[in-house]
């Protein structure tokens, strides 16, 4: 079985595309001689020239010295035949994402490599077990999923196939650390950790757009400025490539036997069918002038005057409690209604009671229309924010037929706290609450199946997907009970099985347990 790989041991890379070139750079920067092989004529030479250009840019930016850059380039050598890899201690495959091709390439490499050589596949969606089934010694094959760009991204998913030897996992994880990466170890499951848990980030946005809850730019803005994500899902899939993102969704969906949790959307399929693949084609969800989107402005609510006074019945603002402090600091009087007065009024519902008989509630997953009987003038639901004390945007969802005065008062109240306001259709869970609940639920499912640890799940989503918090950390901040409540409301609105709660999440609710402690 594979033994420890030392600095200076030769590394082979199969495939001279974007990922292969990036992996070669990572290995060369870590002090390894690197042999890069590709079946396409001159592809490895082209990759070497691309690597040289990238290092030249790093020299210009001051990220690496000229002498060090020259040393890195000198360590990388294109080779023609697989026989040249015979002296390598580790070989990483990064060819096209097709099972027969990966099997063929690794089987051919295995014939020229000694028994102690570690074999790694950089697959992002295919089964490591299925790839290894073509090998004589599948125990030494491990998944090492680098993220693009490999030289910059700090995460590597280390995937154990059904036949992978524990020593191969240990050797791959140690190698990733030696290369300056953070390894997360996971089972061979569809999408592994990042691609699987991230599916709702895209899928929920697509479904909200399909049903007319908001336009794409507004959904992106809410998830950025309220949710804290560095990019919205539509801008991000335009960057990734709509075809690439759809292929990942379809792969996970098909490998889970069409589980509705991972079902692709007709919206994204239509984009791909139309050739609107994102930045690389000049048009995706947005239109592009170079790398700049020209039609990505969200719809902001017009300026409205805030109320002088609102009545607060029960402080049930939960994940948005910090927002009340901003409202109070803006000079809006928050009058807390005593329990006795509340009883006299017939158990007035929790929330902010607005002038004119309206009600502003923080989302518990239920739509505004569910509360109309308690506030006939209109109900407005406030979506969640990752950090209500610092967010720069919030989303409001008014009930159908909500009095204009009620909605304007709610808008003005929020604007007084110093945020932009987006007004959405009355949908269960809003944008941030439903997305966060789905991410947390999927993370819990990964833990429940024993596919990765809680710590690795949160680390993977922060480093691999760029999320502002791990889904379990964020879930603990909000509370398992609220997460489950949002999912139940989503399921009631769309009872397809997509929004079913993980049994382990139900256990966490019953036992009042931390999600990170599961």
Protein backbone atom coordinates (compact mmCIF):
# COMPACT_ATOMS: atom_id res chain seq x y z
CA UNK A 1 0.00 0.00 0.00
CA UNK A 2 1.12 3.62 -0.51
CA UNK A 3 3.73 4.96 1.87
CA UNK A 4 4.43 8.52 2.96
CA UNK A 5 5.34 10.89 0.13
CA UNK A 6 8.33 13.12 0.86
CA UNK A 7 9.31 16.51 -0.50
CA UNK A 8 11.41 15.86 -3.58
CA UNK A 9 9.53 12.69 -4.57
CA UNK A 10 8.41 12.81 -8.20
CA UNK A 11 4.73 13.56 -8.88
CA UNK A 12 2.96 12.56 -12.09
CA UNK A 13 -0.07 14.46 -13.40
CA UNK A 14 -2.33 12.87 -16.02
CA UNK A 15 -4.16 15.55 -17.98
CA UNK A 16 -2.85 18.98 -18.97
CA UNK A 17 -6.10 20.91 -18.80
CA UNK A 18 -6.93 23.67 -16.34
CA UNK A 19 -7.07 21.40 -13.29
CA UNK A 20 -4.07 19.29 -14.27
CA UNK A 21 -1.95 22.38 -14.81
CA UNK A 22 -3.09 23.81 -11.47
CA UNK A 23 -2.26 20.60 -9.61
CA UNK A 24 1.15 20.49 -11.29
CA UNK A 25 1.78 24.04 -10.08
CA UNK A 26 0.78 23.15 -6.52
CA UNK A 27 3.12 20.15 -6.46
CA UNK A 28 6.00 22.08 -8.03
CA UNK A 29 5.63 24.95 -5.57
CA UNK A 30 5.84 22.36 -2.78
CA UNK A 31 9.23 21.17 -4.01
CA UNK A 32 8.38 18.14 -6.17
CA UNK A 33 9.65 17.40 -9.63
CA UNK A 34 6.47 17.09 -11.72
CA UNK A 35 5.92 15.07 -14.88
CA UNK A 36 2.80 16.12 -16.77
CA UNK A 37 1.28 13.84 -19.42
CA UNK A 38 -1.58 14.31 -21.86
CA UNK A 39 -2.67 12.18 -24.81
CA UNK A 40 -3.42 15.28 -26.89
CA UNK A 41 -0.42 16.33 -28.93
CA UNK A 42 1.46 19.34 -27.47
CA UNK A 43 -1.14 19.76 -24.69
CA UNK A 44 1.47 19.40 -21.95
CA UNK A 45 3.71 21.98 -23.64
CA UNK A 46 0.75 24.36 -23.87
CA UNK A 47 0.06 23.77 -20.17
CA UNK A 48 3.67 24.59 -19.32
CA UNK A 49 3.45 27.88 -21.23
CA UNK A 50 0.19 28.72 -19.40
CA UNK A 51 1.87 27.97 -16.07
CA UNK A 52 4.80 30.21 -16.99
CA UNK A 53 2.41 33.09 -17.81
CA UNK A 54 0.58 32.63 -14.51
CA UNK A 55 3.82 32.68 -12.54
CA UNK A 56 4.96 35.80 -14.45
CA UNK A 57 1.76 37.52 -13.31
CA UNK A 58 2.46 36.44 -9.74
CA UNK A 59 5.96 37.90 -10.00
CA UNK A 60 4.52 41.20 -11.26
CA UNK A 61 2.03 41.21 -8.38
CA UNK A 62 4.78 40.51 -5.84
CA UNK A 63 3.30 37.16 -4.79
CA UNK A 64 6.48 35.26 -5.67
CA UNK A 65 10.07 36.22 -6.44
CA UNK A 66 11.42 35.87 -9.97
CA UNK A 67 14.06 33.33 -8.91
CA UNK A 68 11.47 31.21 -7.06
CA UNK A 69 9.14 31.33 -10.05
CA UNK A 70 11.96 30.10 -12.26
CA UNK A 71 12.62 27.24 -9.85
CA UNK A 72 8.95 26.21 -9.92
CA UNK A 73 8.89 26.19 -13.73
CA UNK A 74 12.10 24.18 -13.87
CA UNK A 75 10.49 21.44 -11.77
CA UNK A 76 7.69 20.80 -14.31
CA UNK A 77 8.47 18.63 -17.33
CA UNK A 78 6.07 17.47 -20.04
CA UNK A 79 6.41 13.79 -20.97
CA UNK A 80 5.11 11.83 -23.94
CA UNK A 81 4.78 8.22 -22.79
CA UNK A 82 3.40 6.83 -19.54
CA UNK A 83 6.63 4.88 -19.07
CA UNK A 84 8.23 8.16 -18.00
CA UNK A 85 6.07 8.10 -14.84
CA UNK A 86 7.62 4.88 -13.57
CA UNK A 87 9.69 6.67 -10.92
CA UNK A 88 6.82 8.74 -9.49
CA UNK A 89 5.69 8.26 -5.88
CA UNK A 90 2.21 9.68 -6.57
CA UNK A 91 0.20 10.09 -9.76
CA UNK A 92 -2.82 12.41 -9.88
CA UNK A 93 -5.34 11.94 -12.69
CA UNK A 94 -7.13 15.08 -13.93
CA UNK A 95 -8.53 14.09 -17.32
CA UNK A 96 -12.04 14.69 -18.68
CA UNK A 97 -14.90 13.94 -16.25
CA UNK A 98 -16.00 10.70 -17.94
CA UNK A 99 -15.87 7.36 -16.16
CA UNK A 100 -14.58 5.21 -19.08
CA UNK A 101 -11.78 7.69 -19.81
CA UNK A 102 -10.64 7.91 -16.20
CA UNK A 103 -10.67 4.13 -15.86
CA UNK A 104 -8.65 3.66 -19.02
CA UNK A 105 -6.03 6.27 -18.11
CA UNK A 106 -5.51 5.00 -14.56
CA UNK A 107 -5.42 1.37 -15.66
CA UNK A 108 -2.70 2.22 -18.19
CA UNK A 109 -0.74 4.15 -15.55
CA UNK A 110 -1.04 1.29 -13.06
CA UNK A 111 0.82 -1.01 -15.46
CA UNK A 112 4.00 1.08 -15.30
CA UNK A 113 3.91 2.04 -11.62
CA UNK A 114 5.34 0.19 -8.65
CA UNK A 115 3.05 -1.28 -5.96
CA UNK A 116 3.73 1.48 -3.40
CA UNK A 117 2.67 4.38 -5.64
CA UNK A 118 -0.36 6.42 -4.56
CA UNK A 119 -2.97 6.90 -7.29
CA UNK A 120 -5.36 9.83 -6.99
CA UNK A 121 -8.29 10.92 -9.11
CA UNK A 122 -9.36 14.56 -9.18
CA UNK A 123 -12.96 13.69 -10.01
CA UNK A 124 -15.54 16.16 -8.75
CA UNK A 125 -18.66 14.04 -9.26
CA UNK A 126 -17.81 10.47 -10.31
CA UNK A 127 -17.61 7.49 -7.96
CA UNK A 128 -14.09 6.73 -6.75
CA UNK A 129 -15.30 3.17 -6.15
CA UNK A 130 -16.43 2.85 -9.79
CA UNK A 131 -13.17 4.27 -11.09
CA UNK A 132 -11.15 1.92 -8.87
CA UNK A 133 -13.10 -1.13 -10.04
CA UNK A 134 -11.03 -1.11 -13.24
CA UNK A 135 -7.71 -1.38 -11.35
CA UNK A 136 -5.82 -4.47 -10.23
CA UNK A 137 -5.06 -2.71 -6.93
CA UNK A 138 -8.01 -0.40 -6.12
CA UNK A 139 -6.81 -0.09 -2.52
CA UNK A 140 -4.23 2.51 -3.51
CA UNK A 141 -6.72 4.74 -5.37
CA UNK A 142 -8.05 7.74 -3.48
CA UNK A 143 -10.05 10.76 -4.55
CA UNK A 144 -8.22 14.09 -4.26
CA UNK A 145 -10.71 16.70 -5.38
CA UNK A 146 -8.95 20.04 -5.84
CA UNK A 147 -11.00 23.17 -6.36
CA UNK A 148 -10.47 25.64 -9.19
CA UNK A 149 -8.10 27.47 -9.24
CA UNK A 150 -6.07 24.70 -7.60
CA UNK A 151 -3.12 26.95 -6.75
CA UNK A 152 -5.35 29.39 -4.84
CA UNK A 153 -8.10 27.30 -3.26
CA UNK A 154 -7.21 26.01 0.19
CA UNK A 155 -9.44 22.90 0.22
CA UNK A 156 -8.90 19.35 -1.00
CA UNK A 157 -11.59 16.72 -0.53
CA UNK A 158 -9.94 13.36 0.18
CA UNK A 159 -12.42 10.65 -0.82
CA UNK A 160 -12.34 7.03 0.25
CA UNK A 161 -13.77 4.54 -2.21
CA UNK A 162 -15.24 1.24 -1.02
CA UNK A 163 -11.89 -0.50 -1.60
CA UNK A 164 -9.51 2.33 -0.65
CA UNK A 165 -6.95 1.29 1.93
CA UNK A 166 -6.77 3.49 5.07
CA UNK A 167 -3.06 4.02 4.39
CA UNK A 168 -3.92 5.65 1.05
CA UNK A 169 -6.32 8.06 2.78
CA UNK A 170 -3.67 8.93 5.35
CA UNK A 171 -0.99 9.43 2.69
CA UNK A 172 -3.28 11.65 0.57
CA UNK A 173 -4.35 13.78 3.55
CA UNK A 174 -0.72 14.22 4.65
CA UNK A 175 0.25 15.12 1.10
CA UNK A 176 -2.50 17.74 0.88
CA UNK A 177 -1.26 19.31 4.12
CA UNK A 178 2.32 19.29 2.85
CA UNK A 179 1.07 21.13 -0.23
CA UNK A 180 -0.48 23.84 1.94
CA UNK A 181 -4.06 22.61 1.62
CA UNK A 182 -6.73 21.74 4.16
CA UNK A 183 -7.91 18.16 3.57
CA UNK A 184 -11.41 17.05 4.50
CA UNK A 185 -11.97 13.31 4.47
CA UNK A 186 -15.28 12.01 3.16
CA UNK A 187 -16.93 8.88 1.88
CA UNK A 188 -17.52 8.19 -1.79
CA UNK A 189 -20.98 9.70 -2.00
CA UNK A 190 -22.63 11.63 -4.86
CA UNK A 191 -21.12 15.11 -4.98
CA UNK A 192 -18.89 14.34 -1.97
CA UNK A 193 -19.24 17.21 0.55
CA UNK A 194 -19.12 20.57 -1.23
CA UNK A 195 -20.93 19.79 -4.47
CA UNK A 196 -23.64 17.91 -2.61
CA UNK A 197 -24.36 20.35 0.20
CA UNK A 198 -24.15 23.34 -2.16
CA UNK A 199 -26.97 22.14 -4.42
CA UNK A 200 -29.73 24.04 -2.55
CA UNK A 201 -27.83 27.33 -2.86
CA UNK A 202 -28.47 27.18 -6.60
CA UNK A 203 -31.65 25.12 -6.67
CA UNK A 204 -33.68 27.29 -4.31
CA UNK A 205 -32.74 30.45 -6.20
CA UNK A 206 -33.83 28.88 -9.48
CA UNK A 207 -37.14 27.77 -8.02
CA UNK A 208 -37.86 31.22 -6.57
CA UNK A 209 -37.18 32.77 -9.97
CA UNK A 210 -39.34 30.18 -11.75
CA UNK A 211 -42.33 31.00 -9.55
CA UNK A 212 -41.86 34.76 -9.90
CA UNK A 213 -40.95 35.48 -6.29
CA UNK A 214 -38.27 37.96 -7.43
CA UNK A 215 -35.94 38.66 -10.33
CA UNK A 216 -32.46 37.13 -10.49
CA UNK A 217 -30.57 40.29 -9.58
CA UNK A 218 -32.69 40.83 -6.48
CA UNK A 219 -32.27 37.22 -5.33
CA UNK A 220 -28.50 37.57 -5.79
CA UNK A 221 -28.46 40.85 -3.88
CA UNK A 222 -30.44 39.43 -0.95
CA UNK A 223 -28.16 36.41 -0.62
CA UNK A 224 -25.08 38.67 -0.81
CA UNK A 225 -26.13 41.61 1.31
CA UNK A 226 -28.42 39.85 3.79
CA UNK A 227 -27.12 36.28 3.59
CA UNK A 228 -23.45 37.29 3.59
CA UNK A 229 -22.46 35.10 0.63
CA UNK A 230 -19.64 36.56 -1.50
CA UNK A 231 -21.62 36.02 -4.72
CA UNK A 232 -25.25 35.34 -5.46
CA UNK A 233 -26.13 31.99 -7.07
CA UNK A 234 -26.94 33.42 -10.50
CA UNK A 235 -23.71 35.42 -10.78
CA UNK A 236 -21.77 32.43 -9.46
CA UNK A 237 -23.22 29.95 -11.95
CA UNK A 238 -22.53 32.42 -14.74
CA UNK A 239 -18.91 32.42 -13.57
CA UNK A 240 -18.71 28.63 -13.21
CA UNK A 241 -20.57 28.03 -16.46
CA UNK A 242 -24.26 27.13 -16.54
CA UNK A 243 -23.42 23.90 -18.38
CA UNK A 244 -20.83 22.90 -15.78
CA UNK A 245 -23.12 23.67 -12.84
CA UNK A 246 -26.06 21.87 -14.45
CA UNK A 247 -23.87 18.81 -15.09
CA UNK A 248 -22.91 18.71 -11.40
CA UNK A 249 -26.57 18.96 -10.35
CA UNK A 250 -27.61 16.29 -12.81
CA UNK A 251 -24.81 13.97 -11.69
CA UNK A 252 -25.81 14.17 -8.02
CA UNK A 253 -29.51 13.77 -8.92
CA UNK A 254 -28.89 10.72 -11.08
CA UNK A 255 -26.55 9.09 -8.56
CA UNK A 256 -29.20 9.52 -5.83
CA UNK A 257 -31.81 7.86 -8.08
CA UNK A 258 -33.65 11.12 -8.78
CA UNK A 259 -34.04 12.26 -5.18
CA UNK A 260 -36.12 15.50 -5.40
CA UNK A 261 -33.63 17.23 -3.09
CA UNK A 262 -31.18 17.41 -5.96
CA UNK A 263 -33.43 17.75 -8.98
CA UNK A 264 -32.07 20.16 -11.62
CA UNK A 265 -34.33 22.96 -12.79
CA UNK A 266 -35.91 23.56 -16.17
CA UNK A 267 -34.75 27.17 -15.87
CA UNK A 268 -31.08 26.19 -15.93
CA UNK A 269 -31.67 23.60 -18.65
CA UNK A 270 -33.24 26.30 -20.83
CA UNK A 271 -30.19 28.52 -20.32
CA UNK A 272 -27.92 25.72 -21.46
CA UNK A 273 -30.16 24.82 -24.41
CA UNK A 274 -30.01 28.46 -25.53
CA UNK A 275 -26.22 28.54 -25.30
CA UNK A 276 -26.40 31.12 -22.51
CA UNK A 277 -23.60 29.57 -20.49
CA UNK A 278 -22.45 32.66 -18.60
CA UNK A 279 -19.37 34.83 -18.84
CA UNK A 280 -17.63 32.52 -21.32
CA UNK A 281 -20.37 33.09 -23.91
CA UNK A 282 -21.13 36.72 -23.02
CA UNK A 283 -24.59 35.88 -21.75
CA UNK A 284 -26.05 33.64 -19.08
CA UNK A 285 -28.50 34.82 -16.46
CA UNK A 286 -26.93 38.24 -17.10
CA UNK A 287 -25.40 39.90 -20.14
CA UNK A 288 -21.67 40.65 -19.99
CA UNK A 289 -19.29 43.26 -21.32
CA UNK A 290 -16.03 41.43 -20.72
CA UNK A 291 -16.26 40.11 -17.17
CA UNK A 292 -18.74 42.77 -16.05
CA UNK A 293 -22.47 42.10 -15.90
CA UNK A 294 -24.47 44.96 -17.38
CA UNK A 295 -27.96 44.05 -16.17
CA UNK A 296 -27.52 42.87 -12.57
CA UNK A 297 -29.07 45.76 -10.63
CA UNK A 298 -31.58 44.59 -7.99
CA UNK A 299 -34.98 46.17 -7.52
CA UNK A 300 -34.91 48.32 -4.40
CA UNK A 301 -38.00 49.55 -2.60
CA UNK A 302 -38.57 53.32 -2.89
CA UNK A 303 -37.81 55.48 0.14
CA UNK A 304 -40.63 55.48 2.70
CA UNK A 305 -40.96 57.39 5.97
CA UNK A 306 -40.52 55.30 9.14
CA UNK A 307 -43.23 55.14 11.81
CA UNK A 308 -42.63 57.10 14.99
CA UNK A 309 -43.81 54.24 17.17
CA UNK A 310 -44.46 50.49 16.91
CA UNK A 311 -45.70 47.99 19.46
CA UNK A 312 -43.58 44.92 20.11
CA UNK A 313 -45.58 41.90 21.23
CA UNK A 314 -43.25 39.23 22.58
CA UNK A 315 -39.61 39.58 21.61
CA UNK A 316 -39.66 36.68 19.14
CA UNK A 317 -37.28 38.17 16.59
CA UNK A 318 -34.90 35.24 17.06
CA UNK A 319 -32.31 35.33 14.27
CA UNK A 320 -33.17 39.00 13.61
CA UNK A 321 -32.97 40.23 17.21
CA UNK A 322 -29.97 42.40 16.38
CA UNK A 323 -32.06 44.23 13.80
CA UNK A 324 -34.38 45.53 16.51
CA UNK A 325 -31.43 47.29 18.11
CA UNK A 326 -30.81 49.11 14.82
CA UNK A 327 -34.46 50.13 14.61
CA UNK A 328 -34.35 51.40 18.19
CA UNK A 329 -31.10 53.31 17.52
CA UNK A 330 -32.77 54.96 14.52
CA UNK A 331 -35.25 56.64 16.87
CA UNK A 332 -38.32 54.47 16.26
CA UNK A 333 -40.01 53.95 19.63
CA UNK A 334 -40.37 50.23 20.41
CA UNK A 335 -43.19 49.94 22.91
CA UNK A 336 -43.27 46.53 24.53
CA UNK A 337 -46.82 45.31 25.13
CA UNK A 338 -47.28 43.68 28.57
CA UNK A 339 -48.76 40.20 28.78
CA UNK A 340 -51.93 41.48 30.43
CA UNK A 341 -52.65 43.91 27.61
CA UNK A 342 -51.88 41.22 25.06
CA UNK A 343 -54.43 38.92 26.70
CA UNK A 344 -57.06 41.67 26.63
CA UNK A 345 -56.51 42.00 22.88
CA UNK A 346 -57.23 38.35 22.30
CA UNK A 347 -53.72 36.98 22.29
CA UNK A 348 -52.27 39.35 19.68
CA UNK A 349 -49.65 37.52 17.58
CA UNK A 350 -45.96 38.03 18.26
CA UNK A 351 -44.18 40.63 16.17
CA UNK A 352 -44.14 44.35 15.53
CA UNK A 353 -47.63 45.81 15.36
CA UNK A 354 -47.56 48.69 12.91
CA UNK A 355 -49.76 51.80 12.77
CA UNK A 356 -52.86 51.10 10.71
CA UNK A 357 -53.35 47.56 11.99
CA UNK A 358 -50.50 45.81 10.16
CA UNK A 359 -48.11 43.20 11.51
CA UNK A 360 -44.37 42.68 10.82
CA UNK A 361 -43.09 39.21 11.72
CA UNK A 362 -39.71 37.53 11.41
CA UNK A 363 -39.90 34.49 9.16
CA UNK A 364 -40.60 31.17 10.84
CA UNK A 365 -40.98 29.66 7.38
CA UNK A 366 -44.70 30.33 7.11
CA UNK A 367 -45.96 32.76 4.45
CA UNK A 368 -47.55 36.06 5.40
CA UNK A 369 -50.97 34.82 4.31
CA UNK A 370 -50.95 32.30 7.16
CA UNK A 371 -51.29 35.21 9.64
CA UNK A 372 -53.88 37.33 7.84
CA UNK A 373 -56.64 36.36 10.26
CA UNK A 374 -54.71 38.02 13.07
CA UNK A 375 -53.94 41.26 11.21
CA UNK A 376 -56.49 41.87 8.44
CA UNK A 377 -54.87 45.15 7.32
CA UNK A 378 -51.89 43.17 6.13
CA UNK A 379 -48.97 41.05 7.27
CA UNK A 380 -45.34 41.53 6.23
CA UNK A 381 -42.72 38.85 6.87
CA UNK A 382 -39.07 39.80 7.42
CA UNK A 383 -36.55 37.34 5.96
CA UNK A 384 -33.42 36.36 7.90
CA UNK A 385 -29.97 37.89 7.64
CA UNK A 386 -26.69 36.21 8.55
CA UNK A 387 -25.73 39.17 10.74
CA UNK A 388 -28.71 41.45 11.38
CA UNK A 389 -26.46 43.95 13.18
CA UNK A 390 -24.39 44.66 10.07
CA UNK A 391 -26.38 43.50 7.01
CA UNK A 392 -26.95 46.08 4.28
CA UNK A 393 -30.17 44.66 2.86
CA UNK A 394 -33.27 42.84 4.08
CA UNK A 395 -36.14 41.20 2.22
CA UNK A 396 -39.82 41.70 3.02
CA UNK A 397 -42.73 39.51 1.92
CA UNK A 398 -46.18 41.14 2.18
CA UNK A 399 -49.42 39.20 2.14
CA UNK A 400 -51.44 39.43 -1.05
CA UNK A 401 -53.65 42.50 -0.84
CA UNK A 402 -51.61 43.99 2.00
CA UNK A 403 -52.62 47.64 2.56
CA UNK A 404 -50.11 49.95 0.86
CA UNK A 405 -49.77 51.94 4.07
CA UNK A 406 -48.79 48.81 5.99
CA UNK A 407 -46.14 47.79 3.46
CA UNK A 408 -44.74 51.33 3.19
CA UNK A 409 -44.51 51.54 6.98
CA UNK A 410 -42.63 48.23 7.13
CA UNK A 411 -40.28 49.42 4.37
CA UNK A 412 -39.66 52.72 6.12
CA UNK A 413 -39.02 50.98 9.42
CA UNK A 414 -36.30 48.82 7.84
CA UNK A 415 -34.80 51.67 5.84
CA UNK A 416 -34.46 53.66 9.06
CA UNK A 417 -32.15 50.89 10.29
CA UNK A 418 -29.81 51.72 7.39
CA UNK A 419 -30.54 48.95 4.88
CA UNK A 420 -31.83 48.60 1.35
CA UNK A 421 -35.14 46.76 1.16
CA UNK A 422 -36.20 44.16 -1.40
CA UNK A 423 -39.89 43.29 -1.63
CA UNK A 424 -40.64 39.71 -2.66
CA UNK A 425 -43.78 37.73 -3.36
CA UNK A 426 -45.36 35.93 -0.41
CA UNK A 427 -43.40 32.66 -0.43
CA UNK A 428 -42.68 30.32 2.43
CA UNK A 429 -39.20 30.77 3.87
CA UNK A 430 -38.26 33.86 1.88
CA UNK A 431 -34.80 33.67 0.32
CA UNK A 432 -32.20 33.53 3.10
CA UNK A 433 -34.19 31.46 5.60
CA UNK A 434 -35.08 28.74 3.10
CA UNK A 435 -31.56 28.60 1.64
CA UNK A 436 -29.93 28.40 5.04
CA UNK A 437 -32.38 25.77 6.29
CA UNK A 438 -31.77 23.60 3.24
CA UNK A 439 -27.98 23.90 3.54
CA UNK A 440 -28.07 23.02 7.25
CA UNK A 441 -30.41 20.08 6.67
CA UNK A 442 -28.20 18.68 3.91
CA UNK A 443 -25.13 19.07 6.12
CA UNK A 444 -26.88 17.13 8.89
CA UNK A 445 -27.71 14.38 6.37
CA UNK A 446 -24.04 14.04 5.44
CA UNK A 447 -23.20 13.55 9.11
CA UNK A 448 -26.10 11.14 9.63
CA UNK A 449 -24.80 8.91 6.83
CA UNK A 450 -21.29 8.96 8.29
CA UNK A 451 -19.89 10.54 5.14
CA UNK A 452 -17.90 13.32 6.84
CA UNK A 453 -17.44 14.83 10.28
CA UNK A 454 -19.26 17.98 11.40
CA UNK A 455 -15.99 19.92 11.60
CA UNK A 456 -14.98 18.86 8.09
CA UNK A 457 -18.40 19.74 6.68
CA UNK A 458 -18.22 23.31 7.97
CA UNK A 459 -14.60 23.68 6.89
CA UNK A 460 -15.37 22.35 3.42
CA UNK A 461 -18.24 24.75 2.82
CA UNK A 462 -16.23 27.76 3.97
CA UNK A 463 -13.08 26.94 2.02
CA UNK A 464 -14.51 25.08 -0.96
CA UNK A 465 -17.74 26.98 -1.58
CA UNK A 466 -16.76 30.32 -0.03
CA UNK A 467 -19.75 30.38 2.31
CA UNK A 468 -19.52 32.95 5.11
CA UNK A 469 -20.18 30.33 7.79
CA UNK A 470 -20.35 26.58 7.88
CA UNK A 471 -24.00 25.44 7.61
CA UNK A 472 -23.84 23.70 10.99
CA UNK A 473 -22.33 26.73 12.71
CA UNK A 474 -25.02 28.94 11.18
CA UNK A 475 -27.68 26.40 12.09
CA UNK A 476 -26.55 26.43 15.71
CA UNK A 477 -26.71 30.21 15.76
CA UNK A 478 -30.34 30.10 14.63
CA UNK A 479 -31.28 26.87 16.41
CA UNK A 480 -32.27 23.44 15.14
CA UNK A 481 -35.89 24.06 16.05
CA UNK A 482 -36.16 27.08 13.74
CA UNK A 483 -34.38 25.24 10.92
CA UNK A 484 -36.85 22.36 11.19
CA UNK A 485 -39.81 24.76 11.35
CA UNK A 486 -38.79 26.43 8.09
CA UNK A 487 -38.41 23.05 6.38
CA UNK A 488 -41.83 21.94 7.58
CA UNK A 489 -43.42 25.06 6.12
CA UNK A 490 -41.59 24.56 2.82
CA UNK A 491 -42.77 20.95 2.72
CA UNK A 492 -46.36 22.04 3.42
CA UNK A 493 -46.17 24.47 0.50
CA UNK A 494 -44.39 22.00 -1.84
CA UNK A 495 -44.92 18.42 -0.59
CA UNK A 496 -42.59 16.69 -3.06
CA UNK A 497 -40.08 15.30 -0.56
CA UNK A 498 -37.51 17.95 -1.45
CA UNK A 499 -37.94 19.64 1.93
CA UNK A 500 -38.15 16.61 4.19
CA UNK A 501 -36.17 16.99 7.39
CA UNK A 502 -33.27 14.71 8.16
CA UNK A 503 -34.18 12.27 10.96
CA UNK A 504 -30.99 13.38 12.72
CA UNK A 505 -32.21 16.99 12.61
CA UNK A 506 -35.47 15.86 14.23
CA UNK A 507 -33.41 14.15 16.93
CA UNK A 508 -31.40 17.32 17.48
CA UNK A 509 -34.63 19.28 17.92
CA UNK A 510 -36.05 16.74 20.38
CA UNK A 511 -32.82 16.63 22.39
CA UNK A 512 -32.07 20.35 22.03
CA UNK A 513 -28.63 19.38 20.70
CA UNK A 514 -26.01 21.41 18.88
CA UNK A 515 -25.73 20.53 15.19
CA UNK A 516 -21.94 20.75 15.38
CA UNK A 517 -22.04 18.23 18.21
CA UNK A 518 -23.94 15.57 16.28
